């Protein structure tokens, strides 16, 4: 008899792996105009795709998953942080925000150097997720306060929505599973939820790619 649960698990795993390529493909097909924000979005999506591939390799997953996951988490944090700083933070505060990022990353690298890449994984990921959720909320508040723009036509609106969807889900699930005694701690169930949230995140990123301005045709 076919195990339906295993099939769903396998399908979600495949979808979560290829989902990061969708925004990149849309940007390529629509000939999006050159934009630093969209360039960062491309890099973030490609990085996520490489991460999913890396942790799916059996030998690498067994021996180096903590190291690989730590590297990609820091890279993803840095890129998304920088994206939000450039898109939503006033110029006079950007240098301070970048210095805070450098300091935070330096501390995390130091912790990993002395304690190992699997040191405090939940705490570090929770801090990173909280920072990105906060920056996404700031970006949305700044967009909403600007009455001269149409929210749904702003790529940063959808990028912020994707970040809130994924990292907000992580904080919510981790919070309720640690606070609520007796609540299910099944790893596979949590993984499925994170995969679904990850797929939704890249759907949001795909919408951001779709609404991005197209490159002007010089001949016209």
Protein backbone atom coordinates (compact mmCIF):
# COMPACT_ATOMS: atom_id res chain seq x y z
CA UNK A 1 0.00 0.00 0.00
CA UNK A 2 1.30 3.46 -0.87
CA UNK A 3 2.13 5.62 2.14
CA UNK A 4 0.31 8.89 1.48
CA UNK A 5 2.19 10.68 4.25
CA UNK A 6 5.53 9.76 2.71
CA UNK A 7 4.36 10.97 -0.72
CA UNK A 8 3.27 14.33 0.68
CA UNK A 9 6.57 14.62 2.54
CA UNK A 10 8.53 13.91 -0.63
CA UNK A 11 6.45 16.32 -2.75
CA UNK A 12 6.82 19.14 -0.24
CA UNK A 13 10.54 18.50 -0.06
CA UNK A 14 10.86 18.83 -3.85
CA UNK A 15 8.65 21.93 -3.99
CA UNK A 16 10.60 23.58 -1.17
CA UNK A 17 13.83 22.89 -3.04
CA UNK A 18 12.78 24.33 -6.41
CA UNK A 19 10.60 27.18 -5.09
CA UNK A 20 13.57 29.60 -4.75
CA UNK A 21 14.15 29.37 -8.50
CA UNK A 22 10.71 30.77 -9.36
CA UNK A 23 11.45 34.44 -8.53
CA UNK A 24 14.76 34.22 -10.42
CA UNK A 25 13.00 32.77 -13.45
CA UNK A 26 10.30 35.47 -13.37
CA UNK A 27 12.89 38.25 -13.16
CA UNK A 28 14.71 36.74 -16.13
CA UNK A 29 11.61 36.26 -18.27
CA UNK A 30 10.19 39.72 -17.55
CA UNK A 31 13.54 41.45 -18.20
CA UNK A 32 13.30 43.35 -14.93
CA UNK A 33 15.06 46.69 -14.86
CA UNK A 34 18.45 46.74 -13.09
CA UNK A 35 17.82 47.37 -9.43
CA UNK A 36 20.01 46.76 -6.32
CA UNK A 37 17.01 45.40 -4.42
CA UNK A 38 16.18 42.91 -7.16
CA UNK A 39 19.83 41.89 -7.45
CA UNK A 40 19.82 41.08 -3.74
CA UNK A 41 16.57 39.16 -4.19
CA UNK A 42 18.18 37.05 -6.91
CA UNK A 43 21.17 36.26 -4.72
CA UNK A 44 18.95 35.37 -1.75
CA UNK A 45 16.85 33.00 -3.87
CA UNK A 46 19.88 31.31 -5.43
CA UNK A 47 21.46 30.99 -1.99
CA UNK A 48 18.32 29.33 -0.63
CA UNK A 49 18.26 26.91 -3.57
CA UNK A 50 21.90 25.96 -3.01
CA UNK A 51 21.20 25.50 0.70
CA UNK A 52 18.31 23.11 0.06
CA UNK A 53 20.49 21.14 -2.36
CA UNK A 54 23.39 21.03 0.09
CA UNK A 55 21.37 19.65 2.99
CA UNK A 56 19.70 17.10 0.72
CA UNK A 57 23.00 15.37 -0.08
CA UNK A 58 23.11 12.37 2.30
CA UNK A 59 26.83 12.48 3.18
CA UNK A 60 26.92 16.25 3.54
CA UNK A 61 23.69 16.25 5.51
CA UNK A 62 25.07 13.74 8.01
CA UNK A 63 28.55 15.15 8.51
CA UNK A 64 28.34 18.87 7.88
CA UNK A 65 24.71 19.94 8.23
CA UNK A 66 25.29 22.11 11.34
CA UNK A 67 28.16 23.91 9.61
CA UNK A 68 26.32 24.30 6.28
CA UNK A 69 23.12 25.48 7.98
CA UNK A 70 25.02 28.00 10.10
CA UNK A 71 26.81 29.44 7.06
CA UNK A 72 23.62 29.80 5.04
CA UNK A 73 21.67 31.26 7.98
CA UNK A 74 24.28 33.98 8.45
CA UNK A 75 24.43 34.69 4.73
CA UNK A 76 20.65 34.88 4.43
CA UNK A 77 20.41 37.14 7.48
CA UNK A 78 23.09 39.48 6.13
CA UNK A 79 21.53 39.77 2.67
CA UNK A 80 17.94 40.29 3.87
CA UNK A 81 19.12 42.69 6.57
CA UNK A 82 21.05 44.72 4.02
CA UNK A 83 18.09 44.65 1.62
CA UNK A 84 15.73 46.09 4.24
CA UNK A 85 18.28 48.64 5.41
CA UNK A 86 18.71 49.93 1.86
CA UNK A 87 14.99 49.90 1.11
CA UNK A 88 13.38 51.05 4.35
CA UNK A 89 15.89 52.72 6.67
CA UNK A 90 16.63 56.47 6.41
CA UNK A 91 20.07 57.23 4.97
CA UNK A 92 21.32 58.82 8.18
CA UNK A 93 20.78 55.53 10.05
CA UNK A 94 22.06 53.08 7.44
CA UNK A 95 25.70 53.18 8.51
CA UNK A 96 24.70 52.51 12.11
CA UNK A 97 22.51 49.58 11.05
CA UNK A 98 25.32 48.11 8.94
CA UNK A 99 27.71 48.40 11.88
CA UNK A 100 25.20 46.57 14.06
CA UNK A 101 24.98 43.80 11.47
CA UNK A 102 28.78 43.47 11.29
CA UNK A 103 28.98 43.33 15.08
CA UNK A 104 26.25 40.71 15.34
CA UNK A 105 27.76 38.50 12.64
CA UNK A 106 31.18 38.82 14.28
CA UNK A 107 29.77 37.68 17.62
CA UNK A 108 28.01 34.70 16.03
CA UNK A 109 31.16 33.66 14.15
CA UNK A 110 33.14 33.91 17.38
CA UNK A 111 30.60 31.71 19.17
CA UNK A 112 30.76 29.15 16.38
CA UNK A 113 34.57 29.24 16.41
CA UNK A 114 34.73 28.39 20.12
CA UNK A 115 31.58 26.32 20.60
CA UNK A 116 31.06 24.77 17.17
CA UNK A 117 28.58 25.45 14.38
CA UNK A 118 25.79 23.65 16.25
CA UNK A 119 26.07 25.88 19.33
CA UNK A 120 22.75 27.37 20.48
CA UNK A 121 21.02 26.74 17.09
CA UNK A 122 17.52 27.57 18.32
CA UNK A 123 18.57 30.72 20.17
CA UNK A 124 20.66 32.06 17.28
CA UNK A 125 17.96 31.31 14.72
CA UNK A 126 15.32 32.92 16.95
CA UNK A 127 17.40 36.09 17.25
CA UNK A 128 18.00 36.21 13.50
CA UNK A 129 14.32 35.61 12.77
CA UNK A 130 13.27 38.30 15.25
CA UNK A 131 15.61 40.85 13.65
CA UNK A 132 14.27 40.13 10.16
CA UNK A 133 10.64 40.21 11.30
CA UNK A 134 11.26 43.58 12.95
CA UNK A 135 12.90 44.99 9.82
CA UNK A 136 10.07 43.66 7.64
CA UNK A 137 7.52 45.37 9.89
CA UNK A 138 9.47 48.62 9.70
CA UNK A 139 9.50 48.36 5.91
CA UNK A 140 5.74 47.78 5.80
CA UNK A 141 5.03 50.65 8.19
CA UNK A 142 7.11 53.03 6.08
CA UNK A 143 5.31 51.88 2.94
CA UNK A 144 1.87 52.26 4.51
CA UNK A 145 2.73 55.74 5.76
CA UNK A 146 3.58 56.84 2.22
CA UNK A 147 0.25 57.72 0.62
CA UNK A 148 1.84 58.48 -2.76
CA UNK A 149 2.62 54.86 -3.62
CA UNK A 150 0.52 51.82 -4.45
CA UNK A 151 1.51 49.11 -1.98
CA UNK A 152 0.80 46.12 -4.22
CA UNK A 153 3.10 47.49 -6.93
CA UNK A 154 6.11 47.74 -4.61
CA UNK A 155 8.46 44.71 -4.64
CA UNK A 156 9.60 45.50 -1.10
CA UNK A 157 6.00 45.08 0.09
CA UNK A 158 5.91 41.47 -1.14
CA UNK A 159 9.44 40.75 0.04
CA UNK A 160 8.53 41.95 3.52
CA UNK A 161 5.39 39.82 3.39
CA UNK A 162 7.43 36.76 2.48
CA UNK A 163 9.87 37.38 5.31
CA UNK A 164 7.02 37.79 7.81
CA UNK A 165 5.38 34.62 6.52
CA UNK A 166 8.48 32.43 6.88
CA UNK A 167 10.34 33.82 9.87
CA UNK A 168 7.13 34.72 11.68
CA UNK A 169 6.00 31.11 11.31
CA UNK A 170 9.32 29.92 12.72
CA UNK A 171 9.01 32.15 15.78
CA UNK A 172 5.37 31.15 16.31
CA UNK A 173 6.00 27.40 16.02
CA UNK A 174 9.13 27.48 18.16
CA UNK A 175 7.34 29.61 20.73
CA UNK A 176 4.25 27.47 21.17
CA UNK A 177 6.16 24.15 21.11
CA UNK A 178 8.47 25.35 23.90
CA UNK A 179 5.91 27.15 26.03
CA UNK A 180 2.93 24.82 25.74
CA UNK A 181 3.67 21.67 27.71
CA UNK A 182 2.46 18.50 26.03
CA UNK A 183 2.27 20.05 22.58
CA UNK A 184 3.57 17.84 19.78
CA UNK A 185 7.32 18.09 19.18
CA UNK A 186 7.26 15.83 16.11
CA UNK A 187 10.19 16.88 13.92
CA UNK A 188 8.53 15.82 10.68
CA UNK A 189 5.38 17.82 11.43
CA UNK A 190 7.43 20.93 12.16
CA UNK A 191 9.49 20.36 9.03
CA UNK A 192 6.34 20.18 6.90
CA UNK A 193 5.09 23.46 8.39
CA UNK A 194 8.45 25.14 7.71
CA UNK A 195 8.47 23.81 4.14
CA UNK A 196 4.97 25.19 3.54
CA UNK A 197 6.01 28.53 5.01
CA UNK A 198 9.14 28.48 2.85
CA UNK A 199 7.13 27.80 -0.29
CA UNK A 200 4.77 30.67 0.59
CA UNK A 201 7.77 32.92 1.13
CA UNK A 202 9.02 32.33 -2.39
CA UNK A 203 5.51 32.81 -3.78
CA UNK A 204 5.60 36.26 -2.18
CA UNK A 205 9.09 36.81 -3.63
CA UNK A 206 7.75 35.72 -7.04
CA UNK A 207 5.02 38.34 -6.84
CA UNK A 208 7.72 40.89 -5.96
CA UNK A 209 9.60 39.83 -9.09
CA UNK A 210 6.42 40.06 -11.18
CA UNK A 211 5.50 43.59 -10.09
CA UNK A 212 9.06 44.88 -10.50
CA UNK A 213 9.46 47.48 -13.30
CA UNK A 214 10.53 46.03 -16.63
CA UNK A 215 13.65 47.11 -18.47
CA UNK A 216 12.96 49.91 -20.91
CA UNK A 217 13.43 49.04 -24.56
CA UNK A 218 16.15 51.38 -25.78
CA UNK A 219 15.01 51.04 -29.40
CA UNK A 220 11.64 52.52 -28.51
